[in-house]
Amino acid sequence: MSSETHADEQQVYQIRVEGRLDERRAGWFEEMTMGFERASDDTPITTLTGTVADQARLRGILSKLWDLNLTLISVTRIVTREIEAGHDQAER
């Protein structure tokens, strides 16, 4: 594993899916904040954002979305400036 990879560190992810996640299912994603918007073609989009403990947890979240038959739009790891600055300093 390279020095840039920190598999044991929690990461913040933003996951976007097509459709509106039912409020009753929000408990499945309690560690995530949920947002809603509309695409330019008026398609509903649900955005989940939050800290994910590890890759296994991320896969679990994605599996739940699959089980709900929601179309995945994107999965983005959010890197804050503080995290980038810490890694930059550590790598020098």
C-alpha atoms as a PDB file:
ATOM      1  CA  MET A   1       0.000   0.000   0.000  1.00  0.00           C
ATOM      2  CA  SER A   2       1.459   3.380  -0.983  1.00  0.00           C
ATOM      3  CA  SER A   3       2.145   6.181   1.469  1.00  0.00           C
ATOM      4  CA  GLU A   4      -0.600   8.273  -0.178  1.00  0.00           C
ATOM      5  CA  THR A   5      -3.269   5.681   0.635  1.00  0.00           C
ATOM      6  CA  HIS A   6      -4.734   5.882   4.113  1.00  0.00           C
ATOM      7  CA  ALA A   7      -7.215   2.987   4.149  1.00  0.00           C
ATOM      8  CA  ASP A   8      -7.728   3.225   7.904  1.00  0.00           C
ATOM      9  CA  GLU A   9      -8.761   6.901   7.807  1.00  0.00           C
ATOM     10  CA  GLN A  10     -12.356   8.003   7.522  1.00  0.00           C
ATOM     11  CA  GLN A  11     -13.209   9.853   4.324  1.00  0.00           C
ATOM     12  CA  VAL A  12     -16.071  12.167   3.397  1.00  0.00           C
ATOM     13  CA  TYR A  13     -18.082  11.069   0.371  1.00  0.00           C
ATOM     14  CA  GLN A  14     -20.857  12.615  -1.681  1.00  0.00           C
ATOM     15  CA  ILE A  15     -23.109  10.082  -3.401  1.00  0.00           C
ATOM     16  CA  ARG A  16     -25.690  11.203  -5.960  1.00  0.00           C
ATOM     17  CA  VAL A  17     -28.518   8.985  -7.203  1.00  0.00           C
ATOM     18  CA  GLU A  18     -31.353   9.502  -9.621  1.00  0.00           C
ATOM     19  CA  GLY A  19     -34.695   9.581  -7.860  1.00  0.00           C
ATOM     20  CA  ARG A  20     -35.928  10.799  -4.525  1.00  0.00           C
ATOM     21  CA  LEU A  21     -34.935   8.619  -1.615  1.00  0.00           C
ATOM     22  CA  ASP A  22     -37.999   7.823   0.462  1.00  0.00           C
ATOM     23  CA  GLU A  23     -37.884   9.565   3.868  1.00  0.00           C
ATOM     24  CA  ARG A  24     -38.740   6.217   5.505  1.00  0.00           C
ATOM     25  CA  ARG A  25     -35.415   4.865   4.222  1.00  0.00           C
ATOM     26  CA  ALA A  26     -33.381   7.790   5.613  1.00  0.00           C
ATOM     27  CA  GLY A  27     -32.589   5.692   8.704  1.00  0.00           C
ATOM     28  CA  TRP A  28     -30.581   3.348   6.490  1.00  0.00           C
ATOM     29  CA  PHE A  29     -28.203   6.247   5.888  1.00  0.00           C
ATOM     30  CA  GLU A  30     -28.201   7.894   9.318  1.00  0.00           C
ATOM     31  CA  GLU A  31     -24.496   8.721   9.105  1.00  0.00           C
ATOM     32  CA  MET A  32     -25.167  10.752   5.944  1.00  0.00           C
ATOM     33  CA  THR A  33     -26.922  14.062   5.371  1.00  0.00           C
ATOM     34  CA  MET A  34     -29.541  13.943   2.646  1.00  0.00           C
ATOM     35  CA  GLY A  35     -30.290  16.648   0.092  1.00  0.00           C
ATOM     36  CA  PHE A  36     -32.675  16.868  -2.836  1.00  0.00           C
ATOM     37  CA  GLU A  37     -32.556  18.753  -6.113  1.00  0.00           C
ATOM     38  CA  ARG A  38     -33.885  18.566  -9.645  1.00  0.00           C
ATOM     39  CA  ALA A  39     -31.810  18.001 -12.763  1.00  0.00           C
ATOM     40  CA  SER A  40     -32.293  20.275 -15.777  1.00  0.00           C
ATOM     41  CA  ASP A  41     -34.806  17.754 -17.189  1.00  0.00           C
ATOM     42  CA  ASP A  42     -36.739  17.857 -13.858  1.00  0.00           C
ATOM     43  CA  THR A  43     -35.482  14.415 -12.773  1.00  0.00           C
ATOM     44  CA  PRO A  44     -35.253  14.223  -8.966  1.00  0.00           C
ATOM     45  CA  ILE A  45     -31.738  13.772  -7.554  1.00  0.00           C
ATOM     46  CA  THR A  46     -30.881  12.662  -4.018  1.00  0.00           C
ATOM     47  CA  THR A  47     -27.466  13.576  -2.610  1.00  0.00           C
ATOM     48  CA  LEU A  48     -26.012  11.773   0.406  1.00  0.00           C
ATOM     49  CA  THR A  49     -22.962  13.357   2.049  1.00  0.00           C
ATOM     50  CA  GLY A  50     -21.052  12.175   5.081  1.00  0.00           C
ATOM     51  CA  THR A  51     -18.103  10.479   6.676  1.00  0.00           C
ATOM     52  CA  VAL A  52     -17.564   6.858   5.708  1.00  0.00           C
ATOM     53  CA  ALA A  53     -15.419   4.742   8.034  1.00  0.00           C
ATOM     54  CA  ASP A  54     -13.866   2.524   5.357  1.00  0.00           C
ATOM     55  CA  GLN A  55     -14.361   0.953   1.939  1.00  0.00           C
ATOM     56  CA  ALA A  56     -16.508  -1.843   3.369  1.00  0.00           C
ATOM     57  CA  ARG A  57     -18.936   0.747   4.777  1.00  0.00           C
ATOM     58  CA  LEU A  58     -18.982   2.580   1.427  1.00  0.00           C
ATOM     59  CA  ARG A  59     -19.811  -0.670  -0.341  1.00  0.00           C
ATOM     60  CA  GLY A  60     -22.606  -1.272   2.169  1.00  0.00           C
ATOM     61  CA  ILE A  61     -24.121   2.148   1.421  1.00  0.00           C
ATOM     62  CA  LEU A  62     -23.901   1.523  -2.322  1.00  0.00           C
ATOM     63  CA  SER A  63     -25.493  -1.917  -1.865  1.00  0.00           C
ATOM     64  CA  LYS A  64     -28.431  -0.357  -0.021  1.00  0.00           C
ATOM     65  CA  LEU A  65     -28.930   2.104  -2.872  1.00  0.00           C
ATOM     66  CA  TRP A  66     -28.790  -0.826  -5.311  1.00  0.00           C
ATOM     67  CA  ASP A  67     -31.417  -2.672  -3.241  1.00  0.00           C
ATOM     68  CA  LEU A  68     -33.662   0.400  -3.517  1.00  0.00           C
ATOM     69  CA  ASN A  69     -33.233   0.265  -7.323  1.00  0.00           C
ATOM     70  CA  LEU A  70     -31.841   3.817  -7.470  1.00  0.00           C
ATOM     71  CA  THR A  71     -29.601   4.739 -10.394  1.00  0.00           C
ATOM     72  CA  LEU A  72     -26.146   5.817  -9.266  1.00  0.00           C
ATOM     73  CA  ILE A  73     -25.008   9.121 -10.791  1.00  0.00           C
ATOM     74  CA  SER A  74     -21.724   9.667  -8.970  1.00  0.00           C
ATOM     75  CA  VAL A  75     -19.571   8.834  -5.951  1.00  0.00           C
ATOM     76  CA  THR A  76     -17.108  11.567  -5.030  1.00  0.00           C
ATOM     77  CA  ARG A  77     -14.566  11.596  -2.239  1.00  0.00           C
ATOM     78  CA  ILE A  78     -14.519  15.088  -0.750  1.00  0.00           C
ATOM     79  CA  VAL A  79     -11.073  16.320   0.202  1.00  0.00           C
ATOM     80  CA  THR A  80     -11.016  19.396   2.393  1.00  0.00           C
ATOM     81  CA  ARG A  81      -8.189  21.932   2.219  1.00  0.00           C
ATOM     82  CA  GLU A  82      -7.159  20.994   5.765  1.00  0.00           C
ATOM     83  CA  ILE A  83      -6.751  17.340   4.802  1.00  0.00           C
ATOM     84  CA  GLU A  84      -4.849  18.252   1.627  1.00  0.00           C
ATOM     85  CA  ALA A  85      -2.559  20.597   3.573  1.00  0.00           C
ATOM     86  CA  GLY A  86      -1.836  17.897   6.162  1.00  0.00           C
ATOM     87  CA  HIS A  87      -0.990  15.307   3.494  1.00  0.00           C
ATOM     88  CA  ASP A  88       1.128  17.788   1.535  1.00  0.00           C
ATOM     89  CA  GLN A  89       3.157  18.614   4.606  1.00  0.00           C
ATOM     90  CA  ALA A  90       3.498  14.963   5.608  1.00  0.00           C
ATOM     91  CA  GLU A  91       4.672  13.921   2.141  1.00  0.00           C
ATOM     92  CA  ARG A  92       7.407  16.583   1.856  1.00  0.00           C
END
